[in-house]
Amino acid sequence: MSEVKVNKISPRSGTTVTLGDSGDTFTGSQTVANAALQGSGQITINGQAVALGGSITLTTETRPTVSGISPSAIENTQTAVVITGTNFVSVPLVTAINSTTGAQFTADEVSFTSSTSITAKFTISVDASYKLYVENPDGNAVQTGAILTVSDAPAWQTAAGTLGTFAGGSSISTITLTATNSTGMTVQSGALPGGITLNSGSGSSTLTGTESGASADTTFNFTIRATDAEGQTADRAFSLTFTFGANNSMSFN
């Protein structure tokens, strides 16, 4: 194969220059200035026509973000969830997406507070963990990970009210307090009698001990709070009464 090297081919005016035959391949490189392209065609960028050799200013899209929600656990009844983040535009579409099945629950109502806060009211019938999808009116959207839990709160099985009447200074043996879904119980308000202890457990908790400290008939009122794994709570008010007979309240010589 022969090789011919030239620096420039300049045809005479009105003359056509033919290089090679049909099917030949030519390899080379040349830089074409923008000015040489002007008026020779156009391309489309993000839906806008741009002439070759021209320029365009692209508009940056702003997507919403989600940084947190409150509360993060709700029951099946309609509940308002405050969603915090950035770049919210009035009024976004908000959807809860089941993390396992993909089932979607559109918010019953969405209230726009500011670009950093919106409130969505959900009624979700299926207990599960959910992702949230937030879409602004312009189509920009964000989808979170699983940040919302739908779960039944603790439900008390032990009736409210008195847990019994005992002789002052006596043992109450064991009193069991039961609430479904409960993972623990605490004294929310009031106070247990001296010597009586709440032993927190999963599902059921117990009151045990021997009363001490009282010297006259006394009714102790207190509220026990049951809490589940998602932090949901249920309170119930109870009482314990201790009585003292004449022989217990004073002595005679």
Protein backbone atom coordinates (compact mmCIF):
# COMPACT_ATOMS: atom_id res chain seq x y z
CA MET A 1 0.00 0.00 0.00
CA SER A 2 1.39 3.35 -1.05
CA GLU A 3 1.23 6.43 1.14
CA VAL A 4 0.81 10.01 0.02
CA LYS A 5 1.27 12.85 2.48
CA VAL A 6 0.07 16.36 1.67
CA ASN A 7 -0.41 19.46 3.78
CA LYS A 8 -3.29 20.92 1.81
CA ILE A 9 -5.62 20.17 -1.10
CA SER A 10 -6.99 23.34 -2.74
CA PRO A 11 -9.38 22.80 -5.66
CA ARG A 12 -9.76 25.46 -8.29
CA SER A 13 -12.88 27.57 -8.07
CA GLY A 14 -15.93 25.64 -9.31
CA THR A 15 -14.05 22.34 -9.29
CA THR A 16 -15.21 19.22 -7.44
CA VAL A 17 -12.51 17.21 -5.70
CA THR A 18 -13.08 13.46 -5.36
CA LEU A 19 -11.00 11.41 -2.93
CA GLY A 20 -11.15 7.64 -3.22
CA ASP A 21 -13.96 5.40 -4.36
CA SER A 22 -17.28 4.42 -2.86
CA GLY A 23 -16.74 2.28 0.25
CA ASP A 24 -13.36 3.77 1.11
CA THR A 25 -12.80 4.92 4.69
CA PHE A 26 -10.96 8.11 5.54
CA THR A 27 -9.56 8.70 9.00
CA GLY A 28 -8.59 12.14 10.16
CA SER A 29 -9.34 14.90 12.64
CA GLN A 30 -10.21 18.54 12.37
CA THR A 31 -11.56 21.14 14.78
CA VAL A 32 -14.59 23.05 13.53
CA ALA A 33 -15.14 26.48 15.06
CA ASN A 34 -18.56 27.44 16.40
CA ALA A 35 -18.78 30.20 13.81
CA ALA A 36 -18.49 27.62 11.03
CA LEU A 37 -21.48 25.69 12.41
CA GLN A 38 -23.86 28.61 12.79
CA GLY A 39 -26.92 28.32 10.58
CA SER A 40 -26.15 24.71 9.64
CA GLY A 41 -28.73 23.02 11.91
CA GLN A 42 -29.94 22.63 15.47
CA ILE A 43 -30.19 20.20 18.35
CA THR A 44 -32.74 19.92 21.21
CA ILE A 45 -31.68 20.15 24.86
CA ASN A 46 -34.31 19.59 27.58
CA GLY A 47 -37.04 20.39 25.09
CA GLN A 48 -35.43 23.60 23.83
CA ALA A 49 -34.10 23.99 20.27
CA VAL A 50 -30.49 25.19 20.13
CA ALA A 51 -28.80 26.23 16.90
CA LEU A 52 -25.42 24.61 16.24
CA GLY A 53 -22.77 27.03 17.33
CA GLY A 54 -25.24 28.71 19.70
CA SER A 55 -25.69 28.47 23.47
CA ILE A 56 -28.47 27.95 26.03
CA THR A 57 -28.93 28.54 29.74
CA LEU A 58 -30.28 25.41 31.41
CA THR A 59 -32.75 25.73 34.31
CA THR A 60 -31.75 23.65 37.33
CA GLU A 61 -34.62 21.60 38.72
CA THR A 62 -35.18 21.72 42.49
CA ARG A 63 -36.38 18.53 44.10
CA PRO A 64 -37.98 18.33 47.56
CA THR A 65 -36.23 16.53 50.39
CA VAL A 66 -37.56 14.85 53.55
CA SER A 67 -35.53 15.01 56.76
CA GLY A 68 -38.04 13.63 59.27
CA ILE A 69 -41.65 12.99 60.30
CA SER A 70 -43.65 13.21 63.52
CA PRO A 71 -45.09 10.96 64.75
CA SER A 72 -43.19 8.10 63.14
CA ALA A 73 -45.73 5.49 64.30
CA ILE A 74 -49.49 5.76 63.82
CA GLU A 75 -52.60 3.58 64.19
CA ASN A 76 -55.14 2.67 61.52
CA THR A 77 -57.39 5.63 62.32
CA GLN A 78 -56.84 8.95 60.52
CA THR A 79 -53.72 10.60 61.91
CA ALA A 80 -51.90 13.81 61.00
CA VAL A 81 -48.18 13.38 60.23
CA VAL A 82 -45.91 16.44 60.10
CA ILE A 83 -43.26 16.06 57.38
CA THR A 84 -40.16 18.25 57.56
CA GLY A 85 -37.65 18.83 54.78
CA THR A 86 -36.84 21.38 52.07
CA ASN A 87 -38.20 22.74 48.78
CA PHE A 88 -41.87 21.89 49.35
CA VAL A 89 -44.21 23.76 46.99
CA SER A 90 -47.92 24.31 47.70
CA VAL A 91 -49.48 21.82 47.61
CA PRO A 92 -47.55 18.55 47.20
CA LEU A 93 -49.00 15.10 46.56
CA VAL A 94 -48.08 12.75 49.45
CA THR A 95 -48.35 8.97 49.24
CA ALA A 96 -47.44 6.19 51.70
CA ILE A 97 -45.99 3.08 50.02
CA ASN A 98 -45.98 -0.30 51.78
CA SER A 99 -42.32 -1.34 52.00
CA THR A 100 -43.17 -5.02 51.45
CA THR A 101 -46.10 -5.12 49.03
CA GLY A 102 -45.82 -1.76 47.28
CA ALA A 103 -49.47 -0.95 48.07
CA GLN A 104 -50.08 2.80 48.06
CA PHE A 105 -52.20 5.00 50.31
CA THR A 106 -52.65 8.59 49.17
CA ALA A 107 -52.93 11.10 52.01
CA ASP A 108 -56.53 12.07 52.80
CA GLU A 109 -55.47 15.70 53.08
CA VAL A 110 -52.22 17.70 52.76
CA SER A 111 -51.69 21.09 54.37
CA PHE A 112 -48.84 23.37 53.25
CA THR A 113 -47.16 25.20 56.13
CA SER A 114 -43.93 26.35 54.50
CA SER A 115 -41.21 25.19 52.11
CA THR A 116 -39.80 23.15 55.00
CA SER A 117 -42.98 21.73 56.58
CA ILE A 118 -46.19 20.06 55.39
CA THR A 119 -48.84 18.02 57.23
CA ALA A 120 -50.39 14.90 55.69
CA LYS A 121 -53.42 13.11 57.16
CA PHE A 122 -53.34 9.36 56.56
CA THR A 123 -55.89 6.59 57.07
CA ILE A 124 -53.93 3.38 56.46
CA SER A 125 -55.71 0.07 57.04
CA VAL A 126 -52.73 -2.30 56.86
CA ASP A 127 -50.12 -2.54 59.63
CA ALA A 128 -46.62 -2.35 58.09
CA SER A 129 -43.67 -0.04 57.53
CA TYR A 130 -44.10 2.60 54.82
CA LYS A 131 -42.01 4.79 52.54
CA LEU A 132 -43.25 8.31 51.78
CA TYR A 133 -43.44 9.81 48.28
CA VAL A 134 -43.71 13.60 48.06
CA GLU A 135 -44.31 15.22 44.64
CA ASN A 136 -44.47 18.98 44.04
CA PRO A 137 -46.93 20.38 41.48
CA ASP A 138 -44.05 20.79 38.96
CA GLY A 139 -43.37 17.04 39.03
CA ASN A 140 -40.19 17.16 41.09
CA ALA A 141 -40.40 14.47 43.76
CA VAL A 142 -38.60 12.50 46.45
CA GLN A 143 -39.15 9.01 47.87
CA THR A 144 -37.88 8.16 51.34
CA GLY A 145 -36.88 4.88 52.89
CA ALA A 146 -39.21 3.13 55.35
CA ILE A 147 -39.81 5.89 57.92
CA LEU A 148 -43.49 5.48 58.87
CA THR A 149 -44.83 2.57 60.93
CA VAL A 150 -48.53 1.69 61.08
CA SER A 151 -49.21 -0.40 64.17
CA ASP A 152 -51.88 -0.98 66.81
CA ALA A 153 -51.11 0.85 70.05
CA PRO A 154 -51.19 -1.06 73.35
CA ALA A 155 -54.73 -2.05 74.37
CA TRP A 156 -55.45 -2.49 78.07
CA GLN A 157 -57.02 -5.77 79.17
CA THR A 158 -56.96 -4.99 82.91
CA ALA A 159 -59.97 -2.89 83.90
CA ALA A 160 -59.34 0.57 85.29
CA GLY A 161 -60.15 1.36 88.92
CA THR A 162 -59.40 -0.35 92.19
CA LEU A 163 -56.95 -3.25 92.29
CA GLY A 164 -58.09 -4.26 95.77
CA THR A 165 -58.20 -3.38 99.47
CA PHE A 166 -55.57 -4.78 101.83
CA ALA A 167 -54.66 -4.57 105.49
CA GLY A 168 -52.06 -1.92 106.18
CA GLY A 169 -48.54 -3.35 106.31
CA SER A 170 -49.57 -6.55 104.51
CA SER A 171 -48.34 -8.18 101.30
CA ILE A 172 -50.42 -7.75 98.16
CA SER A 173 -48.98 -10.97 96.76
CA THR A 174 -48.93 -10.50 92.92
CA ILE A 175 -51.28 -8.29 90.89
CA THR A 176 -50.97 -8.72 87.11
CA LEU A 177 -51.55 -5.82 84.69
CA THR A 178 -52.07 -6.80 81.03
CA ALA A 179 -52.08 -4.75 77.80
CA THR A 180 -51.76 -6.25 74.31
CA ASN A 181 -48.72 -5.17 72.24
CA SER A 182 -47.11 -3.75 75.39
CA THR A 183 -43.34 -4.14 75.68
CA GLY A 184 -43.13 -2.39 79.04
CA MET A 185 -44.99 -0.36 81.67
CA THR A 186 -44.11 2.62 83.85
CA VAL A 187 -45.81 4.74 86.50
CA GLN A 188 -46.92 7.81 84.56
CA SER A 189 -48.45 9.82 87.41
CA GLY A 190 -49.29 9.46 91.08
CA ALA A 191 -47.24 7.15 93.28
CA LEU A 192 -47.30 3.53 94.35
CA PRO A 193 -47.63 2.75 98.05
CA GLY A 194 -44.35 2.42 99.93
CA GLY A 195 -42.96 -1.09 99.59
CA ILE A 196 -44.94 -1.84 96.40
CA THR A 197 -42.97 -2.32 93.16
CA LEU A 198 -44.00 -2.33 89.48
CA ASN A 199 -42.16 -5.14 87.67
CA SER A 200 -42.29 -4.22 83.98
CA GLY A 201 -42.61 -7.01 81.43
CA SER A 202 -43.63 -7.69 77.82
CA GLY A 203 -47.39 -8.04 77.49
CA SER A 204 -47.94 -8.22 81.24
CA SER A 205 -46.39 -6.47 84.24
CA THR A 206 -46.89 -7.13 87.94
CA LEU A 207 -47.27 -5.25 91.21
CA THR A 208 -45.68 -6.98 94.19
CA GLY A 209 -44.45 -6.18 97.69
CA THR A 210 -45.50 -5.42 101.24
CA GLU A 211 -47.01 -2.04 102.05
CA SER A 212 -44.99 0.20 104.33
CA GLY A 213 -45.17 3.78 105.45
CA ALA A 214 -48.91 4.33 105.86
CA SER A 215 -50.38 4.60 109.38
CA ALA A 216 -54.05 5.29 108.58
CA ASP A 217 -56.58 4.17 105.99
CA THR A 218 -55.19 5.35 102.65
CA THR A 219 -56.13 5.01 98.99
CA PHE A 220 -53.21 5.38 96.58
CA ASN A 221 -54.13 6.59 93.08
CA PHE A 222 -51.70 6.18 90.18
CA THR A 223 -51.62 5.90 86.37
CA ILE A 224 -49.71 3.16 84.56
CA ARG A 225 -48.47 3.75 81.00
CA ALA A 226 -48.08 0.81 78.60
CA THR A 227 -45.65 1.34 75.69
CA ASP A 228 -45.23 -0.77 72.53
CA ALA A 229 -42.21 -1.42 70.30
CA GLU A 230 -43.00 1.63 68.13
CA GLY A 231 -43.20 3.99 71.11
CA GLN A 232 -47.00 4.24 71.10
CA THR A 233 -48.57 4.49 74.55
CA ALA A 234 -51.80 3.86 76.43
CA ASP A 235 -52.50 5.06 80.00
CA ARG A 236 -54.82 3.56 82.60
CA ALA A 237 -55.69 4.78 86.12
CA PHE A 238 -55.67 2.38 89.09
CA SER A 239 -55.83 2.50 92.88
CA LEU A 240 -54.79 0.42 95.89
CA THR A 241 -56.40 0.85 99.31
CA PHE A 242 -54.88 -0.06 102.68
CA THR A 243 -56.90 -0.06 105.88
CA PHE A 244 -55.86 -0.08 109.52
CA GLY A 245 -57.99 -1.48 112.34
CA ALA A 246 -57.92 -0.14 115.92
CA ASN A 247 -55.27 -2.60 116.94
CA ASN A 248 -53.06 -1.47 114.07
CA SER A 249 -53.59 2.27 114.45
CA MET A 250 -52.75 2.48 118.20
CA SER A 251 -51.85 0.32 121.18
CA PHE A 252 -53.32 0.24 124.70
CA ASN A 253 -51.46 -0.55 127.94
